[in-house]
Amino acid sequence: MDLNDDPRWRRFNDTSRPCPCCGRRFDGVFDIGYDHPDPWPHGNRSASGEDVLQVGEDGLTADYCSWGQHRFIRAVLPLPIRGSDKVFAFGPWGSVNPANYDRYIEASLGGAPFEGSFAWLMNKLPGFEFDDWLPCNLVPGAAGQRPVLEVHDGSHDLARLQEEGITFDQLLDIYAAAGQDIRPHLLDG
């Protein structure tokens, strides 16, 4: 199904149409990012107002995190939206071993290219339930872009959805689970 046939999709992507109940306007797909990996014990970097949240030897930037012996890299986890050319993405953190973390940072500073590595998905994602951290491949992103987390096949339905895509209703469910239920604003009014 072409999403352009869905009036909710058209309203979701129409900045000229205010919601009849509140006047809110939508301009399409927005991603959900994470300030830090879930296990990070030192608070929110963005809320601190600092570019780097440093607590002793532990440090957190917008893209890198070290906590004790743990190393994390900020990534994207894309989910194509069926019936459109749009892609929704989570911006979670992947846990990698220290050697791969060092290789990634070296590559970002102009060293040998980062070839990718194993990583654990380290954020719980709204709309998806899993008890343990999910195994992933951390693969290089396009030039200047964050790396991509690809969930291992068979470890969770998320792997299938990365391949097949999500429906618009699933996207709306994700937003609602994240505390941004926009479904009522897309109805006729």
C-alpha atoms as a PDB file:
ATOM      1  CA  MET A   1       0.000   0.000   0.000  1.00  0.00           C
ATOM      2  CA  ASP A   2       1.233   3.464  -0.905  1.00  0.00           C
ATOM      3  CA  LEU A   3       1.078   5.567   2.241  1.00  0.00           C
ATOM      4  CA  ASN A   4       0.093   8.602   0.195  1.00  0.00           C
ATOM      5  CA  ASP A   5      -3.356   6.947   0.043  1.00  0.00           C
ATOM      6  CA  ASP A   6      -3.624   7.150   3.861  1.00  0.00           C
ATOM      7  CA  PRO A   7      -5.103  10.524   4.952  1.00  0.00           C
ATOM      8  CA  ARG A   8      -3.318  10.229   8.312  1.00  0.00           C
ATOM      9  CA  TRP A   9       0.042   9.984   6.506  1.00  0.00           C
ATOM     10  CA  ARG A  10      -0.789  13.027   4.405  1.00  0.00           C
ATOM     11  CA  ARG A  11      -1.718  15.017   7.545  1.00  0.00           C
ATOM     12  CA  PHE A  12       1.432  13.771   9.301  1.00  0.00           C
ATOM     13  CA  ASN A  13       3.537  15.198   6.471  1.00  0.00           C
ATOM     14  CA  ASP A  14       1.539  18.426   5.876  1.00  0.00           C
ATOM     15  CA  THR A  15       3.084  21.387   7.702  1.00  0.00           C
ATOM     16  CA  SER A  16       0.267  23.652   6.468  1.00  0.00           C
ATOM     17  CA  ARG A  17      -2.449  21.692   8.303  1.00  0.00           C
ATOM     18  CA  PRO A  18      -2.873  22.537  11.989  1.00  0.00           C
ATOM     19  CA  CYS A  19      -4.482  19.989  14.275  1.00  0.00           C
ATOM     20  CA  PRO A  20      -8.101  21.090  14.884  1.00  0.00           C
ATOM     21  CA  CYS A  21      -7.859  20.379  18.636  1.00  0.00           C
ATOM     22  CA  CYS A  22      -4.544  22.045  19.489  1.00  0.00           C
ATOM     23  CA  GLY A  23      -3.066  23.740  16.413  1.00  0.00           C
ATOM     24  CA  ARG A  24      -0.001  21.467  16.393  1.00  0.00           C
ATOM     25  CA  ARG A  25       1.603  20.941  12.984  1.00  0.00           C
ATOM     26  CA  PHE A  26       3.572  17.933  11.822  1.00  0.00           C
ATOM     27  CA  ASP A  27       6.353  17.701   9.275  1.00  0.00           C
ATOM     28  CA  GLY A  28       6.757  13.958   9.037  1.00  0.00           C
ATOM     29  CA  VAL A  29       8.985  11.294  10.483  1.00  0.00           C
ATOM     30  CA  PHE A  30      11.113  12.196  13.486  1.00  0.00           C
ATOM     31  CA  ASP A  31      13.712   9.969  15.088  1.00  0.00           C
ATOM     32  CA  ILE A  32      14.128   9.011  18.748  1.00  0.00           C
ATOM     33  CA  GLY A  33      17.619   9.395  20.169  1.00  0.00           C
ATOM     34  CA  TYR A  34      19.245   8.566  23.485  1.00  0.00           C
ATOM     35  CA  ASP A  35      21.529  10.806  25.500  1.00  0.00           C
ATOM     36  CA  HIS A  36      23.414   7.870  27.011  1.00  0.00           C
ATOM     37  CA  PRO A  37      23.432   4.066  27.233  1.00  0.00           C
ATOM     38  CA  ASP A  38      20.869   2.761  29.722  1.00  0.00           C
ATOM     39  CA  PRO A  39      23.489   1.406  32.186  1.00  0.00           C
ATOM     40  CA  TRP A  40      25.354   4.758  32.376  1.00  0.00           C
ATOM     41  CA  PRO A  41      25.079   5.732  36.066  1.00  0.00           C
ATOM     42  CA  HIS A  42      26.067   9.411  35.967  1.00  0.00           C
ATOM     43  CA  GLY A  43      23.012  11.230  34.617  1.00  0.00           C
ATOM     44  CA  ASN A  44      22.040  13.008  31.446  1.00  0.00           C
ATOM     45  CA  ARG A  45      24.741  14.865  29.485  1.00  0.00           C
ATOM     46  CA  SER A  46      22.263  17.151  27.714  1.00  0.00           C
ATOM     47  CA  ALA A  47      20.651  18.158  31.006  1.00  0.00           C
ATOM     48  CA  SER A  48      24.096  18.980  32.411  1.00  0.00           C
ATOM     49  CA  GLY A  49      24.570  21.629  29.720  1.00  0.00           C
ATOM     50  CA  GLU A  50      28.072  20.288  29.089  1.00  0.00           C
ATOM     51  CA  ASP A  51      29.500  18.908  25.840  1.00  0.00           C
ATOM     52  CA  VAL A  52      31.352  16.315  27.905  1.00  0.00           C
ATOM     53  CA  LEU A  53      30.014  14.828  31.114  1.00  0.00           C
ATOM     54  CA  GLN A  54      33.117  13.732  32.998  1.00  0.00           C
ATOM     55  CA  VAL A  55      32.855  11.879  36.309  1.00  0.00           C
ATOM     56  CA  GLY A  56      36.278  10.724  37.453  1.00  0.00           C
ATOM     57  CA  GLU A  57      37.631   8.476  34.689  1.00  0.00           C
ATOM     58  CA  ASP A  58      34.157   7.981  33.164  1.00  0.00           C
ATOM     59  CA  GLY A  59      33.149  10.198  30.252  1.00  0.00           C
ATOM     60  CA  LEU A  60      30.168  10.803  27.985  1.00  0.00           C
ATOM     61  CA  THR A  61      29.982  12.889  24.806  1.00  0.00           C
ATOM     62  CA  ALA A  62      27.291  12.973  22.130  1.00  0.00           C
ATOM     63  CA  ASP A  63      29.008  10.039  20.365  1.00  0.00           C
ATOM     64  CA  TYR A  64      31.305   8.226  22.817  1.00  0.00           C
ATOM     65  CA  CYS A  65      30.993   6.844  26.300  1.00  0.00           C
ATOM     66  CA  SER A  66      33.433   5.140  28.620  1.00  0.00           C
ATOM     67  CA  TRP A  67      32.368   3.831  32.006  1.00  0.00           C
ATOM     68  CA  GLY A  68      34.820   1.732  33.947  1.00  0.00           C
ATOM     69  CA  GLN A  69      35.869  -1.041  31.553  1.00  0.00           C
ATOM     70  CA  HIS A  70      32.775  -0.535  29.337  1.00  0.00           C
ATOM     71  CA  ARG A  71      32.890   1.289  25.997  1.00  0.00           C
ATOM     72  CA  PHE A  72      29.897   2.547  24.009  1.00  0.00           C
ATOM     73  CA  ILE A  73      29.427   4.154  20.610  1.00  0.00           C
ATOM     74  CA  ARG A  74      26.353   6.133  19.562  1.00  0.00           C
ATOM     75  CA  ALA A  75      24.734   4.617  16.486  1.00  0.00           C
ATOM     76  CA  VAL A  76      21.519   4.564  14.478  1.00  0.00           C
ATOM     77  CA  LEU A  77      19.100   1.668  14.215  1.00  0.00           C
ATOM     78  CA  PRO A  78      17.033   2.298  11.071  1.00  0.00           C
ATOM     79  CA  LEU A  79      13.564   0.934  10.351  1.00  0.00           C
ATOM     80  CA  PRO A  80      12.221   1.598   6.844  1.00  0.00           C
ATOM     81  CA  ILE A  81       8.553   2.575   6.675  1.00  0.00           C
ATOM     82  CA  ARG A  82       6.549   0.341   4.354  1.00  0.00           C
ATOM     83  CA  GLY A  83       4.706   2.103   1.549  1.00  0.00           C
ATOM     84  CA  SER A  84       7.025   5.105   1.587  1.00  0.00           C
ATOM     85  CA  ASP A  85      10.608   6.085   0.905  1.00  0.00           C
ATOM     86  CA  LYS A  86      11.022   7.257   4.527  1.00  0.00           C
ATOM     87  CA  VAL A  87      13.102   5.649   7.256  1.00  0.00           C
ATOM     88  CA  PHE A  88      12.538   6.022  10.984  1.00  0.00           C
ATOM     89  CA  ALA A  89      15.590   5.584  13.208  1.00  0.00           C
ATOM     90  CA  PHE A  90      16.373   5.108  16.841  1.00  0.00           C
ATOM     91  CA  GLY A  91      19.627   6.711  17.984  1.00  0.00           C
ATOM     92  CA  PRO A  92      20.788   4.143  20.569  1.00  0.00           C
ATOM     93  CA  TRP A  93      24.167   3.151  21.940  1.00  0.00           C
ATOM     94  CA  GLY A  94      26.130   0.019  21.149  1.00  0.00           C
ATOM     95  CA  SER A  95      28.522  -1.594  23.622  1.00  0.00           C
ATOM     96  CA  VAL A  96      31.778  -2.704  22.021  1.00  0.00           C
ATOM     97  CA  ASN A  97      34.988  -4.141  23.396  1.00  0.00           C
ATOM     98  CA  PRO A  98      37.733  -1.600  24.183  1.00  0.00           C
ATOM     99  CA  ALA A  99      39.883  -2.610  21.184  1.00  0.00           C
ATOM    100  CA  ASN A 100      37.010  -1.975  18.738  1.00  0.00           C
ATOM    101  CA  TYR A 101      36.186   1.289  20.515  1.00  0.00           C
ATOM    102  CA  ASP A 102      39.794   2.430  20.042  1.00  0.00           C
ATOM    103  CA  ARG A 103      39.731   1.367  16.365  1.00  0.00           C
ATOM    104  CA  TYR A 104      36.512   3.351  15.832  1.00  0.00           C
ATOM    105  CA  ILE A 105      37.932   6.495  17.424  1.00  0.00           C
ATOM    106  CA  GLU A 106      41.192   6.120  15.474  1.00  0.00           C
ATOM    107  CA  ALA A 107      39.205   5.848  12.222  1.00  0.00           C
ATOM    108  CA  SER A 108      37.206   8.975  13.095  1.00  0.00           C
ATOM    109  CA  LEU A 109      40.504  10.839  13.500  1.00  0.00           C
ATOM    110  CA  GLY A 110      41.675   9.825  10.018  1.00  0.00           C
ATOM    111  CA  GLY A 111      43.291   6.470  10.809  1.00  0.00           C
ATOM    112  CA  ALA A 112      42.598   3.134   9.166  1.00  0.00           C
ATOM    113  CA  PRO A 113      38.941   2.687   8.182  1.00  0.00           C
ATOM    114  CA  PHE A 114      36.658   1.104  10.764  1.00  0.00           C
ATOM    115  CA  GLU A 115      35.474  -2.213   9.349  1.00  0.00           C
ATOM    116  CA  GLY A 116      32.715  -2.743  11.899  1.00  0.00           C
ATOM    117  CA  SER A 117      32.391  -5.010  14.918  1.00  0.00           C
ATOM    118  CA  PHE A 118      30.064  -6.912  17.188  1.00  0.00           C
ATOM    119  CA  ALA A 119      28.040  -4.743  19.585  1.00  0.00           C
ATOM    120  CA  TRP A 120      25.252  -5.056  22.115  1.00  0.00           C
ATOM    121  CA  LEU A 121      22.226  -2.746  21.792  1.00  0.00           C
ATOM    122  CA  MET A 122      22.320  -0.844  25.104  1.00  0.00           C
ATOM    123  CA  ASN A 123      19.017   1.036  25.171  1.00  0.00           C
ATOM    124  CA  LYS A 124      15.511  -0.276  25.671  1.00  0.00           C
ATOM    125  CA  LEU A 125      13.404   0.835  22.712  1.00  0.00           C
ATOM    126  CA  PRO A 126       9.815   2.020  23.176  1.00  0.00           C
ATOM    127  CA  GLY A 127       7.371  -0.354  21.531  1.00  0.00           C
ATOM    128  CA  PHE A 128       9.763  -3.310  21.711  1.00  0.00           C
ATOM    129  CA  GLU A 129      10.204  -5.690  24.597  1.00  0.00           C
ATOM    130  CA  PHE A 130      13.372  -7.639  25.260  1.00  0.00           C
ATOM    131  CA  ASP A 131      14.819  -8.841  28.533  1.00  0.00           C
ATOM    132  CA  ASP A 132      18.499  -8.901  27.623  1.00  0.00           C
ATOM    133  CA  TRP A 133      20.629  -6.648  25.470  1.00  0.00           C
ATOM    134  CA  LEU A 134      20.337  -7.571  21.797  1.00  0.00           C
ATOM    135  CA  PRO A 135      23.349  -8.783  19.783  1.00  0.00           C
ATOM    136  CA  CYS A 136      24.091  -6.596  16.783  1.00  0.00           C
ATOM    137  CA  ASN A 137      26.618  -5.811  14.118  1.00  0.00           C
ATOM    138  CA  LEU A 138      27.968  -2.268  14.283  1.00  0.00           C
ATOM    139  CA  VAL A 139      28.676  -1.314  10.678  1.00  0.00           C
ATOM    140  CA  PRO A 140      30.184   1.919   9.366  1.00  0.00           C
ATOM    141  CA  GLY A 141      27.669   4.554   8.335  1.00  0.00           C
ATOM    142  CA  ALA A 142      27.945   6.735   5.258  1.00  0.00           C
ATOM    143  CA  ALA A 143      30.759   9.296   5.267  1.00  0.00           C
ATOM    144  CA  GLY A 144      30.254  11.657   8.186  1.00  0.00           C
ATOM    145  CA  GLN A 145      27.364   9.623   9.601  1.00  0.00           C
ATOM    146  CA  ARG A 146      27.084   7.539  12.748  1.00  0.00           C
ATOM    147  CA  PRO A 147      27.517   3.781  12.456  1.00  0.00           C
ATOM    148  CA  VAL A 148      24.488   1.527  12.046  1.00  0.00           C
ATOM    149  CA  LEU A 149      23.346  -1.197  14.434  1.00  0.00           C
ATOM    150  CA  GLU A 150      21.978  -4.264  12.664  1.00  0.00           C
ATOM    151  CA  VAL A 151      20.206  -6.661  15.029  1.00  0.00           C
ATOM    152  CA  HIS A 152      21.299 -10.288  14.555  1.00  0.00           C
ATOM    153  CA  ASP A 153      18.765 -12.458  12.746  1.00  0.00           C
ATOM    154  CA  GLY A 154      16.709 -14.627  15.037  1.00  0.00           C
ATOM    155  CA  SER A 155      17.560 -12.706  18.209  1.00  0.00           C
ATOM    156  CA  HIS A 156      14.435 -10.508  18.071  1.00  0.00           C
ATOM    157  CA  ASP A 157      11.631  -9.443  15.708  1.00  0.00           C
ATOM    158  CA  LEU A 158      13.497  -6.159  15.382  1.00  0.00           C
ATOM    159  CA  ALA A 159      15.914  -7.884  12.976  1.00  0.00           C
ATOM    160  CA  ARG A 160      13.038  -8.792  10.652  1.00  0.00           C
ATOM    161  CA  LEU A 161      11.597  -5.270  10.872  1.00  0.00           C
ATOM    162  CA  GLN A 162      14.957  -3.766   9.940  1.00  0.00           C
ATOM    163  CA  GLU A 163      14.793  -5.848   6.773  1.00  0.00           C
ATOM    164  CA  GLU A 164      11.065  -5.690   5.937  1.00  0.00           C
ATOM    165  CA  GLY A 165      10.151  -2.328   7.418  1.00  0.00           C
ATOM    166  CA  ILE A 166       7.423  -1.174   9.766  1.00  0.00           C
ATOM    167  CA  THR A 167       3.903  -0.021   9.012  1.00  0.00           C
ATOM    168  CA  PHE A 168       2.734   3.518   9.657  1.00  0.00           C
ATOM    169  CA  ASP A 169       0.585   2.179  12.503  1.00  0.00           C
ATOM    170  CA  GLN A 170       3.671   0.550  14.050  1.00  0.00           C
ATOM    171  CA  LEU A 171       5.491   3.881  13.792  1.00  0.00           C
ATOM    172  CA  LEU A 172       2.598   5.614  15.556  1.00  0.00           C
ATOM    173  CA  ASP A 173       2.683   2.900  18.242  1.00  0.00           C
ATOM    174  CA  ILE A 174       6.424   3.530  18.756  1.00  0.00           C
ATOM    175  CA  TYR A 175       5.799   7.259  19.167  1.00  0.00           C
ATOM    176  CA  ALA A 176       2.964   6.550  21.635  1.00  0.00           C
ATOM    177  CA  ALA A 177       5.169   4.155  23.637  1.00  0.00           C
ATOM    178  CA  ALA A 178       7.794   6.927  23.771  1.00  0.00           C
ATOM    179  CA  GLY A 179       5.234   9.311  25.289  1.00  0.00           C
ATOM    180  CA  GLN A 180       4.373  11.152  22.073  1.00  0.00           C
ATOM    181  CA  ASP A 181       0.977   9.790  21.060  1.00  0.00           C
ATOM    182  CA  ILE A 182       0.140  11.772  17.944  1.00  0.00           C
ATOM    183  CA  ARG A 183      -2.598   9.442  16.688  1.00  0.00           C
ATOM    184  CA  PRO A 184      -5.489  11.652  17.906  1.00  0.00           C
ATOM    185  CA  HIS A 185      -3.992  14.650  16.075  1.00  0.00           C
ATOM    186  CA  LEU A 186      -4.105  12.880  12.713  1.00  0.00           C
ATOM    187  CA  LEU A 187      -7.860  12.239  12.700  1.00  0.00           C
ATOM    188  CA  ASP A 188     -10.375  14.211  10.662  1.00  0.00           C
ATOM    189  CA  GLY A 189     -11.438  17.340  12.396  1.00  0.00           C
END
